[in-house]
C-alpha atoms as a PDB file:
ATOM      1  CA  MET A   1      -7.898  23.863   1.427  1.00  0.00           C
ATOM      2  CA  GLN A   2      -8.482  21.707  -1.621  1.00  0.00           C
ATOM      3  CA  ARG A   3     -10.952  18.880  -1.109  1.00  0.00           C
ATOM      4  CA  LYS A   4      -9.358  15.466  -1.753  1.00  0.00           C
ATOM      5  CA  LYS A   5     -10.713  11.939  -2.209  1.00  0.00           C
ATOM      6  CA  ILE A   6      -9.299   9.147  -0.059  1.00  0.00           C
ATOM      7  CA  LEU A   7      -9.857   5.401  -0.229  1.00  0.00           C
ATOM      8  CA  LEU A   8      -9.292   3.658   3.109  1.00  0.00           C
ATOM      9  CA  VAL A   9      -8.868  -0.129   2.899  1.00  0.00           C
ATOM     10  CA  SER A  10      -9.134  -1.852   6.281  1.00  0.00           C
ATOM     11  CA  SER A  11      -8.405  -5.494   7.043  1.00  0.00           C
ATOM     12  CA  HIS A  12      -9.260  -6.914  10.477  1.00  0.00           C
ATOM     13  CA  PRO A  13     -11.934  -9.463  11.424  1.00  0.00           C
ATOM     14  CA  GLU A  14     -12.998  -7.786  14.690  1.00  0.00           C
ATOM     15  CA  PRO A  15     -15.154  -4.635  14.445  1.00  0.00           C
ATOM     16  CA  ARG A  16     -14.130  -3.662  18.019  1.00  0.00           C
ATOM     17  CA  SER A  17     -10.402  -3.988  17.300  1.00  0.00           C
ATOM     18  CA  LEU A  18      -7.710  -1.327  17.481  1.00  0.00           C
ATOM     19  CA  ASN A  19      -7.568  -1.448  13.683  1.00  0.00           C
ATOM     20  CA  ALA A  20     -11.288  -0.737  13.444  1.00  0.00           C
ATOM     21  CA  ALA A  21     -10.883   2.178  15.859  1.00  0.00           C
ATOM     22  CA  LEU A  22      -8.016   3.604  13.809  1.00  0.00           C
ATOM     23  CA  THR A  23     -10.060   3.198  10.619  1.00  0.00           C
ATOM     24  CA  ALA A  24     -12.995   5.058  12.158  1.00  0.00           C
ATOM     25  CA  PHE A  25     -10.696   7.769  13.513  1.00  0.00           C
ATOM     26  CA  ALA A  26      -8.998   8.286  10.151  1.00  0.00           C
ATOM     27  CA  ALA A  27     -12.274   8.467   8.244  1.00  0.00           C
ATOM     28  CA  GLY A  28     -13.733  10.938  10.735  1.00  0.00           C
ATOM     29  CA  HIS A  29     -10.596  13.064  10.914  1.00  0.00           C
ATOM     30  CA  LEU A  30     -10.284  13.342   7.146  1.00  0.00           C
ATOM     31  CA  ARG A  31     -13.981  14.111   6.672  1.00  0.00           C
ATOM     32  CA  ALA A  32     -13.805  16.782   9.358  1.00  0.00           C
ATOM     33  CA  ALA A  33     -10.951  18.329   7.378  1.00  0.00           C
ATOM     34  CA  GLY A  34     -13.250  18.565   4.358  1.00  0.00           C
ATOM     35  CA  HIS A  35     -12.118  15.523   2.405  1.00  0.00           C
ATOM     36  CA  GLU A  36     -14.280  12.818   0.868  1.00  0.00           C
ATOM     37  CA  VAL A  37     -13.588   9.309   2.188  1.00  0.00           C
ATOM     38  CA  ARG A  38     -14.663   5.864   1.049  1.00  0.00           C
ATOM     39  CA  VAL A  39     -13.961   2.850   3.259  1.00  0.00           C
ATOM     40  CA  SER A  40     -13.474  -0.704   2.041  1.00  0.00           C
ATOM     41  CA  ASP A  41     -13.744  -2.859   5.175  1.00  0.00           C
ATOM     42  CA  LEU A  42     -12.668  -6.160   3.650  1.00  0.00           C
ATOM     43  CA  TYR A  43     -13.991  -8.440   6.387  1.00  0.00           C
ATOM     44  CA  ALA A  44     -17.319  -6.626   6.575  1.00  0.00           C
ATOM     45  CA  MET A  45     -17.517  -6.931   2.782  1.00  0.00           C
ATOM     46  CA  LYS A  46     -16.674 -10.651   3.051  1.00  0.00           C
ATOM     47  CA  TRP A  47     -14.026 -10.010   0.434  1.00  0.00           C
ATOM     48  CA  LYS A  48     -12.975 -13.049  -1.590  1.00  0.00           C
ATOM     49  CA  ALA A  49      -9.235 -13.317  -1.069  1.00  0.00           C
ATOM     50  CA  ALA A  50      -8.213 -16.124  -3.437  1.00  0.00           C
ATOM     51  CA  VAL A  51      -7.564 -15.571  -7.127  1.00  0.00           C
ATOM     52  CA  ASP A  52      -9.076 -18.373  -9.222  1.00  0.00           C
ATOM     53  CA  ALA A  53     -10.876 -18.995 -12.494  1.00  0.00           C
ATOM     54  CA  ASP A  54     -14.087 -17.515 -11.055  1.00  0.00           C
ATOM     55  CA  ASP A  55     -12.391 -14.103 -11.312  1.00  0.00           C
ATOM     56  CA  ILE A  56     -12.304 -14.442 -15.114  1.00  0.00           C
ATOM     57  CA  PRO A  57     -15.920 -14.773 -16.356  1.00  0.00           C
ATOM     58  CA  ASP A  58     -14.786 -15.593 -19.904  1.00  0.00           C
ATOM     59  CA  HIS A  59     -12.309 -18.297 -18.910  1.00  0.00           C
ATOM     60  CA  VAL A  60     -12.922 -21.650 -20.616  1.00  0.00           C
ATOM     61  CA  ALA A  61     -13.078 -24.357 -17.960  1.00  0.00           C
ATOM     62  CA  ASP A  62     -10.871 -26.912 -19.726  1.00  0.00           C
ATOM     63  CA  ARG A  63      -8.172 -24.386 -20.623  1.00  0.00           C
ATOM     64  CA  ARG A  64      -5.038 -23.750 -18.533  1.00  0.00           C
ATOM     65  CA  LEU A  65      -5.470 -20.597 -16.442  1.00  0.00           C
ATOM     66  CA  ASP A  66      -2.665 -18.121 -17.092  1.00  0.00           C
ATOM     67  CA  VAL A  67      -3.608 -15.580 -14.430  1.00  0.00           C
ATOM     68  CA  LEU A  68      -1.454 -12.723 -15.730  1.00  0.00           C
ATOM     69  CA  ALA A  69      -2.692 -13.016 -19.318  1.00  0.00           C
ATOM     70  CA  ALA A  70      -6.302 -13.726 -18.309  1.00  0.00           C
ATOM     71  CA  HIS A  71      -6.331 -10.726 -15.979  1.00  0.00           C
ATOM     72  CA  GLU A  72      -5.056  -8.492 -18.763  1.00  0.00           C
ATOM     73  CA  ARG A  73      -7.641  -9.685 -21.276  1.00  0.00           C
ATOM     74  CA  ALA A  74     -10.504  -9.362 -18.795  1.00  0.00           C
ATOM     75  CA  THR A  75      -9.273  -5.973 -17.558  1.00  0.00           C
ATOM     76  CA  LEU A  76      -8.964  -4.443 -21.010  1.00  0.00           C
ATOM     77  CA  ALA A  77     -12.348  -5.877 -22.025  1.00  0.00           C
ATOM     78  CA  GLY A  78     -14.056  -4.656 -18.829  1.00  0.00           C
ATOM     79  CA  ARG A  79     -14.921  -8.247 -17.987  1.00  0.00           C
ATOM     80  CA  LEU A  80     -13.670  -8.602 -14.407  1.00  0.00           C
ATOM     81  CA  THR A  81     -16.082  -9.560 -11.628  1.00  0.00           C
ATOM     82  CA  PRO A  82     -18.281  -6.790 -10.159  1.00  0.00           C
ATOM     83  CA  ASP A  83     -16.508  -6.759  -6.772  1.00  0.00           C
ATOM     84  CA  VAL A  84     -13.105  -6.219  -8.416  1.00  0.00           C
ATOM     85  CA  LEU A  85     -14.444  -3.587 -10.817  1.00  0.00           C
ATOM     86  CA  ALA A  86     -15.953  -1.702  -7.870  1.00  0.00           C
ATOM     87  CA  GLU A  87     -12.603  -1.576  -6.033  1.00  0.00           C
ATOM     88  CA  GLN A  88     -10.759  -0.518  -9.178  1.00  0.00           C
ATOM     89  CA  GLU A  89     -13.255   2.284  -9.647  1.00  0.00           C
ATOM     90  CA  LYS A  90     -12.616   3.432  -6.059  1.00  0.00           C
ATOM     91  CA  LEU A  91      -8.896   3.562  -6.826  1.00  0.00           C
ATOM     92  CA  ARG A  92      -9.486   5.547 -10.015  1.00  0.00           C
ATOM     93  CA  TRP A  93     -11.663   7.952  -8.014  1.00  0.00           C
ATOM     94  CA  SER A  94      -9.109   8.418  -5.243  1.00  0.00           C
ATOM     95  CA  ASP A  95      -6.314  10.912  -4.722  1.00  0.00           C
ATOM     96  CA  ALA A  96      -4.829   8.811  -1.929  1.00  0.00           C
ATOM     97  CA  LEU A  97      -4.942   5.273  -0.565  1.00  0.00           C
ATOM     98  CA  ILE A  98      -4.656   4.373   3.123  1.00  0.00           C
ATOM     99  CA  LEU A  99      -4.065   0.750   4.132  1.00  0.00           C
ATOM    100  CA  GLN A 100      -5.021  -0.194   7.706  1.00  0.00           C
ATOM    101  CA  PHE A 101      -3.987  -3.634   8.953  1.00  0.00           C
ATOM    102  CA  PRO A 102      -2.302  -5.626  11.724  1.00  0.00           C
ATOM    103  CA  LEU A 103       1.156  -7.026  11.003  1.00  0.00           C
ATOM    104  CA  TRP A 104       0.611 -10.798  10.903  1.00  0.00           C
ATOM    105  CA  TRP A 105       3.628 -13.021  10.333  1.00  0.00           C
ATOM    106  CA  PHE A 106       5.622 -10.017   9.141  1.00  0.00           C
ATOM    107  CA  SER A 107       3.142  -9.297   6.360  1.00  0.00           C
ATOM    108  CA  VAL A 108      -0.407  -8.204   5.596  1.00  0.00           C
ATOM    109  CA  PRO A 109      -3.434 -10.369   6.464  1.00  0.00           C
ATOM    110  CA  ALA A 110      -4.470 -12.799   3.720  1.00  0.00           C
ATOM    111  CA  MET A 111      -7.606 -10.754   3.082  1.00  0.00           C
ATOM    112  CA  LEU A 112      -5.564  -7.665   2.185  1.00  0.00           C
ATOM    113  CA  LYS A 113      -3.089  -9.694   0.133  1.00  0.00           C
ATOM    114  CA  GLY A 114      -6.100 -10.989  -1.773  1.00  0.00           C
ATOM    115  CA  TRP A 115      -7.195  -7.409  -2.391  1.00  0.00           C
ATOM    116  CA  PHE A 116      -3.788  -6.713  -3.939  1.00  0.00           C
ATOM    117  CA  ASP A 117      -3.936  -9.920  -5.997  1.00  0.00           C
ATOM    118  CA  ARG A 118      -7.444  -9.414  -7.352  1.00  0.00           C
ATOM    119  CA  VAL A 119      -7.705  -5.626  -7.691  1.00  0.00           C
ATOM    120  CA  LEU A 120      -4.247  -4.606  -8.933  1.00  0.00           C
ATOM    121  CA  THR A 121      -4.618  -6.542 -12.159  1.00  0.00           C
ATOM    122  CA  ASN A 122      -2.381  -6.670 -15.190  1.00  0.00           C
ATOM    123  CA  GLY A 123      -3.714  -4.010 -17.537  1.00  0.00           C
ATOM    124  CA  PHE A 124      -4.969  -1.848 -14.665  1.00  0.00           C
ATOM    125  CA  ALA A 125      -2.146  -1.355 -12.150  1.00  0.00           C
ATOM    126  CA  HIS A 126       0.760  -2.788 -14.138  1.00  0.00           C
ATOM    127  CA  GLY A 127       1.609  -4.463 -17.410  1.00  0.00           C
ATOM    128  CA  PRO A 128       2.507  -3.547 -21.000  1.00  0.00           C
ATOM    129  CA  ALA A 129      -0.682  -1.562 -21.542  1.00  0.00           C
ATOM    130  CA  VAL A 130       0.192   0.963 -18.799  1.00  0.00           C
ATOM    131  CA  PRO A 131       3.300   3.042 -17.916  1.00  0.00           C
ATOM    132  CA  PRO A 132       6.303   1.138 -16.501  1.00  0.00           C
ATOM    133  CA  PRO A 133       6.514   0.238 -12.802  1.00  0.00           C
ATOM    134  CA  TYR A 134       8.501   2.191 -10.225  1.00  0.00           C
ATOM    135  CA  SER A 135       7.936   5.333 -12.278  1.00  0.00           C
ATOM    136  CA  GLU A 136       4.866   7.254 -11.102  1.00  0.00           C
ATOM    137  CA  GLY A 137       3.067   5.100 -13.648  1.00  0.00           C
ATOM    138  CA  ALA A 138      -0.275   3.321 -13.765  1.00  0.00           C
ATOM    139  CA  LEU A 139      -1.637   4.684 -10.479  1.00  0.00           C
ATOM    140  CA  GLY A 140       0.630   7.718 -10.422  1.00  0.00           C
ATOM    141  CA  GLY A 141      -0.469  10.986  -8.884  1.00  0.00           C
ATOM    142  CA  ARG A 142      -1.803   9.258  -5.771  1.00  0.00           C
ATOM    143  CA  ARG A 143      -0.409   9.391  -2.256  1.00  0.00           C
ATOM    144  CA  ALA A 144      -0.391   6.262  -0.087  1.00  0.00           C
ATOM    145  CA  LEU A 145      -0.090   5.701   3.652  1.00  0.00           C
ATOM    146  CA  VAL A 146       0.325   2.414   5.484  1.00  0.00           C
ATOM    147  CA  SER A 147      -1.093   2.370   9.020  1.00  0.00           C
ATOM    148  CA  VAL A 148      -0.117  -0.799  10.837  1.00  0.00           C
ATOM    149  CA  THR A 149      -0.576  -2.222  14.326  1.00  0.00           C
ATOM    150  CA  ILE A 150       2.193  -4.403  15.738  1.00  0.00           C
ATOM    151  CA  GLY A 151       2.193  -6.601  18.828  1.00  0.00           C
ATOM    152  CA  ALA A 152       5.928  -6.274  19.496  1.00  0.00           C
ATOM    153  CA  ARG A 153       7.725  -3.314  21.025  1.00  0.00           C
ATOM    154  CA  GLU A 154       9.263  -0.717  18.730  1.00  0.00           C
ATOM    155  CA  ALA A 155      12.827  -1.645  19.703  1.00  0.00           C
ATOM    156  CA  ALA A 156      12.335  -5.113  18.191  1.00  0.00           C
ATOM    157  CA  PHE A 157      11.847  -3.482  14.773  1.00  0.00           C
ATOM    158  CA  SER A 158      14.935  -1.271  14.937  1.00  0.00           C
ATOM    159  CA  ASP A 159      18.225  -1.668  13.066  1.00  0.00           C
ATOM    160  CA  ARG A 160      19.510  -3.998  15.797  1.00  0.00           C
ATOM    161  CA  GLY A 161      16.123  -5.479  16.684  1.00  0.00           C
ATOM    162  CA  ALA A 162      15.438  -9.182  16.284  1.00  0.00           C
ATOM    163  CA  HIS A 163      12.648  -8.532  13.745  1.00  0.00           C
ATOM    164  CA  GLY A 164      14.614  -6.164  11.522  1.00  0.00           C
ATOM    165  CA  ARG A 165      13.793  -2.584  10.620  1.00  0.00           C
ATOM    166  CA  LEU A 166      10.122  -1.873   9.990  1.00  0.00           C
ATOM    167  CA  ALA A 167      11.063  -0.168   6.712  1.00  0.00           C
ATOM    168  CA  ASP A 168      12.576  -3.456   5.539  1.00  0.00           C
ATOM    169  CA  VAL A 169       9.678  -5.592   6.760  1.00  0.00           C
ATOM    170  CA  LEU A 170       7.194  -3.350   4.944  1.00  0.00           C
ATOM    171  CA  HIS A 171       9.344  -2.966   1.816  1.00  0.00           C
ATOM    172  CA  PRO A 172       7.223  -5.505  -0.155  1.00  0.00           C
ATOM    173  CA  VAL A 173       4.148  -3.314   0.472  1.00  0.00           C
ATOM    174  CA  GLN A 174       5.730   0.135   0.319  1.00  0.00           C
ATOM    175  CA  HIS A 175       7.982  -0.491  -2.667  1.00  0.00           C
ATOM    176  CA  GLY A 176       6.678  -3.709  -4.202  1.00  0.00           C
ATOM    177  CA  VAL A 177       2.959  -2.841  -4.224  1.00  0.00           C
ATOM    178  CA  LEU A 178       2.491   0.904  -3.785  1.00  0.00           C
ATOM    179  CA  TRP A 179       5.528   2.328  -5.579  1.00  0.00           C
ATOM    180  CA  PHE A 180       5.517  -0.483  -8.173  1.00  0.00           C
ATOM    181  CA  THR A 181       2.068   0.705  -9.282  1.00  0.00           C
ATOM    182  CA  GLY A 182       3.111   4.361  -9.251  1.00  0.00           C
ATOM    183  CA  MET A 183       1.670   5.549  -5.942  1.00  0.00           C
ATOM    184  CA  ALA A 184       3.888   7.686  -3.720  1.00  0.00           C
ATOM    185  CA  PRO A 185       4.026   6.088  -0.249  1.00  0.00           C
ATOM    186  CA  LEU A 186       4.737   8.127   2.855  1.00  0.00           C
ATOM    187  CA  ALA A 187       6.709   6.696   5.758  1.00  0.00           C
ATOM    188  CA  PRO A 188       4.397   4.227   7.539  1.00  0.00           C
ATOM    189  CA  PHE A 189       2.487   5.024  10.710  1.00  0.00           C
ATOM    190  CA  ALA A 190       2.773   2.273  13.321  1.00  0.00           C
ATOM    191  CA  VAL A 191       1.248   1.524  16.716  1.00  0.00           C
ATOM    192  CA  TYR A 192       3.564  -0.853  18.559  1.00  0.00           C
ATOM    193  CA  ASP A 193       2.852  -2.991  21.621  1.00  0.00           C
ATOM    194  CA  ALA A 194      -0.691  -3.055  20.308  1.00  0.00           C
ATOM    195  CA  VAL A 195      -2.206  -5.755  22.530  1.00  0.00           C
ATOM    196  CA  GLY A 196      -4.484  -4.154  25.125  1.00  0.00           C
ATOM    197  CA  VAL A 197      -3.583  -0.521  24.444  1.00  0.00           C
ATOM    198  CA  PRO A 198      -4.674   1.605  27.447  1.00  0.00           C
ATOM    199  CA  ASP A 199      -6.797   4.693  26.898  1.00  0.00           C
ATOM    200  CA  GLU A 200      -4.014   7.200  27.453  1.00  0.00           C
ATOM    201  CA  ARG A 201      -1.706   5.507  24.931  1.00  0.00           C
ATOM    202  CA  PHE A 202      -4.536   5.226  22.406  1.00  0.00           C
ATOM    203  CA  ALA A 203      -5.190   8.947  22.805  1.00  0.00           C
ATOM    204  CA  ALA A 204      -1.511   9.684  22.158  1.00  0.00           C
ATOM    205  CA  ALA A 205      -1.527   7.356  19.138  1.00  0.00           C
ATOM    206  CA  VAL A 206      -4.511   9.025  17.478  1.00  0.00           C
ATOM    207  CA  ARG A 207      -3.011  12.467  18.105  1.00  0.00           C
ATOM    208  CA  GLU A 208       0.076  11.377  16.207  1.00  0.00           C
ATOM    209  CA  TYR A 209      -2.038   9.649  13.564  1.00  0.00           C
ATOM    210  CA  GLY A 210      -4.043  12.838  13.121  1.00  0.00           C
ATOM    211  CA  ARG A 211      -0.830  14.740  12.513  1.00  0.00           C
ATOM    212  CA  ARG A 212       0.211  12.196   9.876  1.00  0.00           C
ATOM    213  CA  LEU A 213      -3.207  12.373   8.211  1.00  0.00           C
ATOM    214  CA  ASP A 214      -2.950  16.166   8.119  1.00  0.00           C
ATOM    215  CA  GLY A 215       0.274  15.731   6.129  1.00  0.00           C
ATOM    216  CA  LEU A 216      -1.117  13.140   3.726  1.00  0.00           C
ATOM    217  CA  PHE A 217      -0.828  15.537   0.776  1.00  0.00           C
ATOM    218  CA  THR A 218       2.027  17.742   2.031  1.00  0.00           C
ATOM    219  CA  ASP A 219       4.597  15.487   3.701  1.00  0.00           C
ATOM    220  CA  ASP A 220       7.422  14.230   1.509  1.00  0.00           C
ATOM    221  CA  PRO A 221       6.949  10.624   0.345  1.00  0.00           C
ATOM    222  CA  VAL A 222       9.684   8.017   0.604  1.00  0.00           C
ATOM    223  CA  PRO A 223      12.043   9.006  -2.259  1.00  0.00           C
ATOM    224  CA  PHE A 224      12.229   5.633  -3.997  1.00  0.00           C
ATOM    225  CA  ARG A 225      14.294   5.605  -7.176  1.00  0.00           C
ATOM    226  CA  LEU A 226      12.595   5.882 -10.562  1.00  0.00           C
ATOM    227  CA  LEU A 227      12.953   2.952 -12.912  1.00  0.00           C
ATOM    228  CA  THR A 228      13.001   5.500 -15.734  1.00  0.00           C
ATOM    229  CA  GLY A 229      15.542   7.785 -14.064  1.00  0.00           C
ATOM    230  CA  GLY A 230      18.673   6.075 -15.357  1.00  0.00           C
ATOM    231  CA  ASP A 231      19.665   4.439 -12.067  1.00  0.00           C
ATOM    232  CA  TYR A 232      18.823   0.901 -13.270  1.00  0.00           C
ATOM    233  CA  ASP A 233      20.113  -1.120 -16.203  1.00  0.00           C
ATOM    234  CA  ARG A 234      18.027  -3.265 -18.584  1.00  0.00           C
ATOM    235  CA  ASP A 235      18.083  -6.123 -16.043  1.00  0.00           C
ATOM    236  CA  LEU A 236      16.564  -3.820 -13.379  1.00  0.00           C
ATOM    237  CA  ARG A 237      19.815  -3.787 -11.408  1.00  0.00           C
ATOM    238  CA  LEU A 238      21.272  -0.580 -10.025  1.00  0.00           C
ATOM    239  CA  ARG A 239      24.107   0.638 -12.186  1.00  0.00           C
ATOM    240  CA  PRO A 240      27.607   0.610 -10.632  1.00  0.00           C
ATOM    241  CA  GLY A 241      28.214   3.656  -8.499  1.00  0.00           C
ATOM    242  CA  VAL A 242      24.538   4.501  -8.064  1.00  0.00           C
ATOM    243  CA  GLU A 243      24.267   4.602  -4.293  1.00  0.00           C
ATOM    244  CA  ALA A 244      24.369   6.878  -1.298  1.00  0.00           C
ATOM    245  CA  ALA A 245      27.379   6.942   0.966  1.00  0.00           C
ATOM    246  CA  GLY A 246      27.019   4.164   3.520  1.00  0.00           C
ATOM    247  CA  ALA A 247      23.789   2.801   2.031  1.00  0.00           C
ATOM    248  CA  SER A 248      23.262  -0.947   1.755  1.00  0.00           C
ATOM    249  CA  GLY A 249      20.490  -3.484   1.352  1.00  0.00           C
ATOM    250  CA  LEU A 250      17.070  -2.096   0.543  1.00  0.00           C
ATOM    251  CA  ASP A 251      18.227   1.455   1.272  1.00  0.00           C
ATOM    252  CA  LEU A 252      20.018   1.346  -2.074  1.00  0.00           C
ATOM    253  CA  HIS A 253      16.621   1.795  -3.749  1.00  0.00           C
ATOM    254  CA  VAL A 254      15.952   5.090  -1.964  1.00  0.00           C
ATOM    255  CA  ARG A 255      17.343   8.252  -3.508  1.00  0.00           C
ATOM    256  CA  PRO A 256      19.838  10.042  -1.280  1.00  0.00           C
ATOM    257  CA  SER A 257      19.073  13.499   0.029  1.00  0.00           C
ATOM    258  CA  PRO A 258      20.754  16.330  -1.888  1.00  0.00           C
ATOM    259  CA  ASP A 259      23.409  16.755   0.799  1.00  0.00           C
ATOM    260  CA  THR A 260      24.348  13.049   0.777  1.00  0.00           C
ATOM    261  CA  ALA A 261      27.323  12.154  -1.403  1.00  0.00           C
ATOM    262  CA  ARG A 262      26.720   9.546  -4.076  1.00  0.00           C
END
C-alpha cells in the first residue's frame, strides 16, 4: 500500500464532542493504515475566522481594501500572515483533505468558513495565476471527503424531506469550494440524529466511517463536470442539450454515468 498524506481540518468548539471523537478516530484509523496525518483543529488553534486588512501585512491603512487583489499580491509575493501560510503549506503537502464539522444553519461553522476565506486565496487556490476552476486545477490531484454531523434525522434530508437533499445542502462546499479549487470530492459521510448518540450507534457509525476512509483513494469521486470539457459556454452556463435524462437542478452539473442517455 502506498503511503499517503492527509490533512484533517476539524471545526467544533467542544473537545469532548462527537466531531472531536470522529476526528480522533479518522486520524488514528488512517495512521494505523500507514498514512501520514496532520490535524488542524481550528478551535484549539484559536483560528482567526474574519478576513480583514490584518491578513495583508503590506496593505496601506488609508487605501481601500480590495480583498481579491490584495490576496493575490500577497500570495504571489509570499507575504500572507504566518497562520495562513502554514495552512497553505499543509494543503500543498497533502494528497487528501478531510473536513470534519457539524452542520449549523445548513452550512459550515463560521470558523471553517473563515478557513476557506483566509487560506484558499486568490493566487493559491484560484485566480488568473493558476489553472481554471472546476477543472482539476489549482489544487488538483487531491481527494477530499466531507464528514458532517447533523442533528436531524436522515429522512429530513431526502428528496422529499423538509430540509432538502444533503447533496444539495452541501453543494456549496462539495462543488463550490472543493471542486472549484480542483480537488475531487467523494460523496459525503454523515452521522444523522447526532444529539446524544448512544454507544452502539457510535460504534456502527465509526465502522462505516472506517470503510469510507479505507476508500479515500480508491472510491470514485462525485463526477462533477469539467469547466474545460466543453459542457459550458463562455458565460459558464451549460450548453443546450448537455444533461442527463431526468436530471434537474444541481444534478445538471454532475456527469451522467455511461449508461445514462444524454
